[in-house]
N, C-alpha and C. Protein backbone atom coordinates (compact mmCIF):
# COMPACT_ATOMS: atom_id res chain seq x y z
N MET A 1 -42.91 75.97 121.86
CA MET A 1 -41.79 75.58 121.02
C MET A 1 -42.30 74.67 119.90
N GLU A 2 -41.94 74.98 118.68
CA GLU A 2 -42.38 74.19 117.53
C GLU A 2 -41.54 72.93 117.40
N LYS A 3 -42.18 71.87 116.90
CA LYS A 3 -41.45 70.63 116.66
C LYS A 3 -40.47 70.85 115.51
N ALA A 4 -39.31 70.24 115.66
CA ALA A 4 -38.31 70.32 114.59
C ALA A 4 -38.83 69.55 113.38
N GLU A 5 -38.70 70.17 112.23
CA GLU A 5 -39.15 69.52 111.00
C GLU A 5 -38.13 68.48 110.57
N LYS A 6 -38.64 67.30 110.20
CA LYS A 6 -37.76 66.28 109.66
C LYS A 6 -37.47 66.60 108.21
N LYS A 7 -36.21 66.51 107.84
CA LYS A 7 -35.84 66.72 106.45
C LYS A 7 -36.15 65.44 105.68
N GLN A 8 -36.93 65.56 104.64
CA GLN A 8 -37.25 64.43 103.78
C GLN A 8 -36.08 64.22 102.83
N ILE A 9 -35.46 63.07 102.89
CA ILE A 9 -34.35 62.77 102.00
C ILE A 9 -34.91 62.17 100.71
N SER A 10 -34.37 62.57 99.59
CA SER A 10 -34.89 62.12 98.30
C SER A 10 -34.24 60.80 97.89
N PHE A 11 -34.89 60.13 96.96
CA PHE A 11 -34.35 58.88 96.41
C PHE A 11 -32.98 59.14 95.79
N VAL A 12 -32.86 60.23 95.09
CA VAL A 12 -31.58 60.57 94.44
C VAL A 12 -30.47 60.72 95.48
N GLU A 13 -30.77 61.35 96.59
CA GLU A 13 -29.77 61.51 97.66
C GLU A 13 -29.38 60.17 98.26
N ILE A 14 -30.35 59.28 98.41
CA ILE A 14 -30.05 57.95 98.94
C ILE A 14 -29.17 57.18 97.97
N VAL A 15 -29.47 57.28 96.68
CA VAL A 15 -28.66 56.61 95.66
C VAL A 15 -27.24 57.18 95.65
N GLU A 16 -27.12 58.49 95.75
CA GLU A 16 -25.79 59.13 95.78
C GLU A 16 -24.97 58.60 96.96
N GLN A 17 -25.60 58.45 98.12
CA GLN A 17 -24.89 57.94 99.30
C GLN A 17 -24.48 56.48 99.10
N GLU A 18 -25.37 55.69 98.52
CA GLU A 18 -25.06 54.29 98.23
C GLU A 18 -23.89 54.18 97.26
N LEU A 19 -23.89 55.01 96.24
CA LEU A 19 -22.80 55.01 95.27
C LEU A 19 -21.49 55.41 95.95
N LYS A 20 -21.55 56.42 96.79
CA LYS A 20 -20.35 56.85 97.53
C LYS A 20 -19.81 55.71 98.39
N ASN A 21 -20.69 55.04 99.11
CA ASN A 21 -20.28 53.92 99.97
C ASN A 21 -19.67 52.80 99.14
N ALA A 22 -20.29 52.48 98.01
CA ALA A 22 -19.77 51.40 97.15
C ALA A 22 -18.38 51.75 96.62
N ARG A 23 -18.19 53.02 96.26
CA ARG A 23 -16.89 53.44 95.73
C ARG A 23 -15.79 53.36 96.81
N GLU A 24 -16.17 53.54 98.06
CA GLU A 24 -15.19 53.45 99.15
C GLU A 24 -14.77 52.00 99.41
N ILE A 25 -15.64 51.06 99.07
CA ILE A 25 -15.38 49.65 99.37
C ILE A 25 -14.83 48.89 98.16
N TYR A 26 -15.36 49.16 96.96
CA TYR A 26 -15.03 48.37 95.78
C TYR A 26 -14.34 49.23 94.72
N PRO A 27 -13.42 48.63 93.97
CA PRO A 27 -12.77 49.38 92.88
C PRO A 27 -13.74 49.62 91.73
N PRO A 28 -13.37 50.48 90.80
CA PRO A 28 -14.24 50.73 89.64
C PRO A 28 -14.49 49.45 88.85
N PHE A 29 -15.61 49.44 88.13
CA PHE A 29 -15.88 48.32 87.23
C PHE A 29 -14.80 48.30 86.16
N ASN A 30 -14.35 47.10 85.82
CA ASN A 30 -13.33 46.95 84.78
C ASN A 30 -13.93 46.85 83.38
N SER A 31 -15.21 46.50 83.31
CA SER A 31 -15.84 46.32 82.01
C SER A 31 -17.35 46.38 82.14
N LEU A 32 -18.01 46.49 81.00
CA LEU A 32 -19.47 46.41 81.01
C LEU A 32 -19.94 45.03 81.44
N HIS A 33 -19.16 44.00 81.16
CA HIS A 33 -19.53 42.65 81.58
C HIS A 33 -19.59 42.57 83.11
N GLU A 34 -18.60 43.14 83.76
CA GLU A 34 -18.60 43.15 85.23
C GLU A 34 -19.77 43.98 85.75
N ALA A 35 -20.01 45.12 85.15
CA ALA A 35 -21.14 45.96 85.58
C ALA A 35 -22.45 45.21 85.42
N TYR A 36 -22.61 44.53 84.29
CA TYR A 36 -23.82 43.75 84.04
C TYR A 36 -24.02 42.70 85.12
N ALA A 37 -22.97 41.99 85.49
CA ALA A 37 -23.07 40.94 86.50
C ALA A 37 -23.50 41.52 87.85
N VAL A 38 -22.94 42.65 88.22
CA VAL A 38 -23.30 43.28 89.50
C VAL A 38 -24.74 43.77 89.47
N ILE A 39 -25.12 44.42 88.39
CA ILE A 39 -26.50 44.92 88.26
C ILE A 39 -27.48 43.75 88.27
N LEU A 40 -27.15 42.68 87.55
CA LEU A 40 -28.02 41.50 87.53
C LEU A 40 -28.20 40.92 88.92
N GLU A 41 -27.12 40.86 89.68
CA GLU A 41 -27.21 40.36 91.06
C GLU A 41 -28.17 41.21 91.89
N GLU A 42 -28.07 42.52 91.74
CA GLU A 42 -28.96 43.41 92.50
C GLU A 42 -30.41 43.25 92.04
N VAL A 43 -30.62 43.09 90.74
CA VAL A 43 -31.98 42.90 90.22
C VAL A 43 -32.55 41.58 90.74
N LYS A 44 -31.74 40.54 90.81
CA LYS A 44 -32.20 39.25 91.34
C LYS A 44 -32.62 39.39 92.81
N GLU A 45 -31.89 40.18 93.57
CA GLU A 45 -32.26 40.40 94.97
C GLU A 45 -33.59 41.15 95.07
N PHE A 46 -33.80 42.10 94.17
CA PHE A 46 -35.09 42.80 94.09
C PHE A 46 -36.18 41.81 93.70
N GLU A 47 -35.89 40.96 92.73
CA GLU A 47 -36.84 39.96 92.26
C GLU A 47 -37.29 39.05 93.41
N THR A 48 -36.38 38.69 94.28
CA THR A 48 -36.73 37.85 95.43
C THR A 48 -37.84 38.49 96.25
N GLU A 49 -37.75 39.78 96.46
CA GLU A 49 -38.79 40.48 97.22
C GLU A 49 -40.09 40.59 96.42
N VAL A 50 -39.98 40.88 95.14
CA VAL A 50 -41.16 41.05 94.30
C VAL A 50 -41.97 39.76 94.24
N PHE A 51 -41.30 38.62 94.19
CA PHE A 51 -41.99 37.35 94.04
C PHE A 51 -42.52 36.78 95.34
N ARG A 52 -42.32 37.47 96.43
CA ARG A 52 -42.93 37.05 97.70
C ARG A 52 -44.43 37.34 97.64
N LYS A 53 -45.18 36.65 98.45
CA LYS A 53 -46.60 37.00 98.59
C LYS A 53 -46.66 38.42 99.14
N PRO A 54 -47.64 39.21 98.69
CA PRO A 54 -47.68 40.62 99.10
C PRO A 54 -47.56 40.83 100.62
N HIS A 55 -48.16 40.00 101.42
CA HIS A 55 -48.10 40.20 102.87
C HIS A 55 -46.76 39.77 103.47
N GLU A 56 -45.89 39.16 102.66
CA GLU A 56 -44.57 38.73 103.13
C GLU A 56 -43.44 39.64 102.63
N ARG A 57 -43.81 40.64 101.85
CA ARG A 57 -42.79 41.56 101.32
C ARG A 57 -42.30 42.50 102.41
N HIS A 58 -41.07 42.95 102.24
CA HIS A 58 -40.44 43.87 103.18
C HIS A 58 -40.15 45.18 102.45
N PRO A 59 -40.96 46.21 102.65
CA PRO A 59 -40.77 47.48 101.93
C PRO A 59 -39.36 48.06 102.09
N GLU A 60 -38.78 47.92 103.27
CA GLU A 60 -37.43 48.46 103.48
C GLU A 60 -36.42 47.73 102.61
N GLN A 61 -36.58 46.42 102.47
CA GLN A 61 -35.67 45.63 101.65
C GLN A 61 -35.87 45.95 100.17
N ILE A 62 -37.10 46.15 99.76
CA ILE A 62 -37.39 46.53 98.38
C ILE A 62 -36.71 47.85 98.06
N MET A 63 -36.85 48.81 98.94
CA MET A 63 -36.22 50.12 98.75
C MET A 63 -34.70 49.97 98.67
N LYS A 64 -34.14 49.18 99.56
CA LYS A 64 -32.69 48.96 99.58
C LYS A 64 -32.21 48.40 98.24
N GLU A 65 -32.92 47.39 97.74
CA GLU A 65 -32.50 46.77 96.48
C GLU A 65 -32.64 47.72 95.31
N LEU A 66 -33.72 48.50 95.27
CA LEU A 66 -33.89 49.47 94.19
C LEU A 66 -32.82 50.56 94.22
N VAL A 67 -32.44 50.98 95.42
CA VAL A 67 -31.36 51.95 95.56
C VAL A 67 -30.07 51.36 95.02
N GLN A 68 -29.80 50.09 95.35
CA GLN A 68 -28.57 49.45 94.88
C GLN A 68 -28.57 49.28 93.36
N VAL A 69 -29.71 48.93 92.79
CA VAL A 69 -29.80 48.82 91.33
C VAL A 69 -29.48 50.18 90.70
N ALA A 70 -30.11 51.22 91.19
CA ALA A 70 -29.89 52.56 90.63
C ALA A 70 -28.44 52.99 90.77
N ALA A 71 -27.86 52.75 91.94
CA ALA A 71 -26.47 53.15 92.17
C ALA A 71 -25.51 52.40 91.25
N MET A 72 -25.75 51.11 91.05
CA MET A 72 -24.86 50.32 90.18
C MET A 72 -25.05 50.69 88.71
N CYS A 73 -26.26 51.07 88.32
CA CYS A 73 -26.47 51.56 86.95
C CYS A 73 -25.69 52.85 86.73
N GLN A 74 -25.76 53.76 87.69
CA GLN A 74 -25.00 55.00 87.58
C GLN A 74 -23.51 54.72 87.55
N ARG A 75 -23.08 53.79 88.39
CA ARG A 75 -21.66 53.45 88.43
C ARG A 75 -21.20 52.85 87.10
N ALA A 76 -22.02 52.02 86.49
CA ALA A 76 -21.67 51.44 85.19
C ALA A 76 -21.44 52.54 84.16
N VAL A 77 -22.33 53.51 84.13
CA VAL A 77 -22.17 54.62 83.18
C VAL A 77 -20.89 55.38 83.48
N GLU A 78 -20.69 55.72 84.74
CA GLU A 78 -19.51 56.53 85.09
C GLU A 78 -18.20 55.77 84.89
N ASP A 79 -18.17 54.50 85.28
CA ASP A 79 -16.92 53.73 85.19
C ASP A 79 -16.63 53.22 83.77
N CYS A 80 -17.66 52.91 83.03
CA CYS A 80 -17.44 52.23 81.74
C CYS A 80 -17.69 53.09 80.51
N LEU A 81 -18.47 54.12 80.65
CA LEU A 81 -18.82 54.92 79.48
C LEU A 81 -18.31 56.35 79.52
N LEU A 82 -18.15 56.90 80.71
CA LEU A 82 -17.73 58.31 80.80
C LEU A 82 -16.25 58.48 81.08
N THR A 83 -15.53 57.37 81.22
CA THR A 83 -14.08 57.46 81.44
C THR A 83 -13.38 56.76 80.28
N SER A 84 -12.21 57.28 79.94
CA SER A 84 -11.43 56.62 78.88
C SER A 84 -10.48 55.64 79.54
N LYS A 85 -10.48 54.44 79.00
CA LYS A 85 -9.60 53.38 79.54
C LYS A 85 -8.59 52.98 78.52
């Protein structure tokens, strides 16, 4: 019997899931100012990991923060630029 192959999930798929989860919890961004604040918060969390000594970094946390940055950037475009308010 052959071993079941693990499906490799792509970064894009992870970001799509993060965006879906965020949309279920939080309302759309009201403005680019709000989007900027949220994106900046996520970048600061990524920065915290980047500025650690290399042996103290957590790859899973780095990935999580980068996914959140990407998802919030996509959300900013969709909520603030692709919809008419």
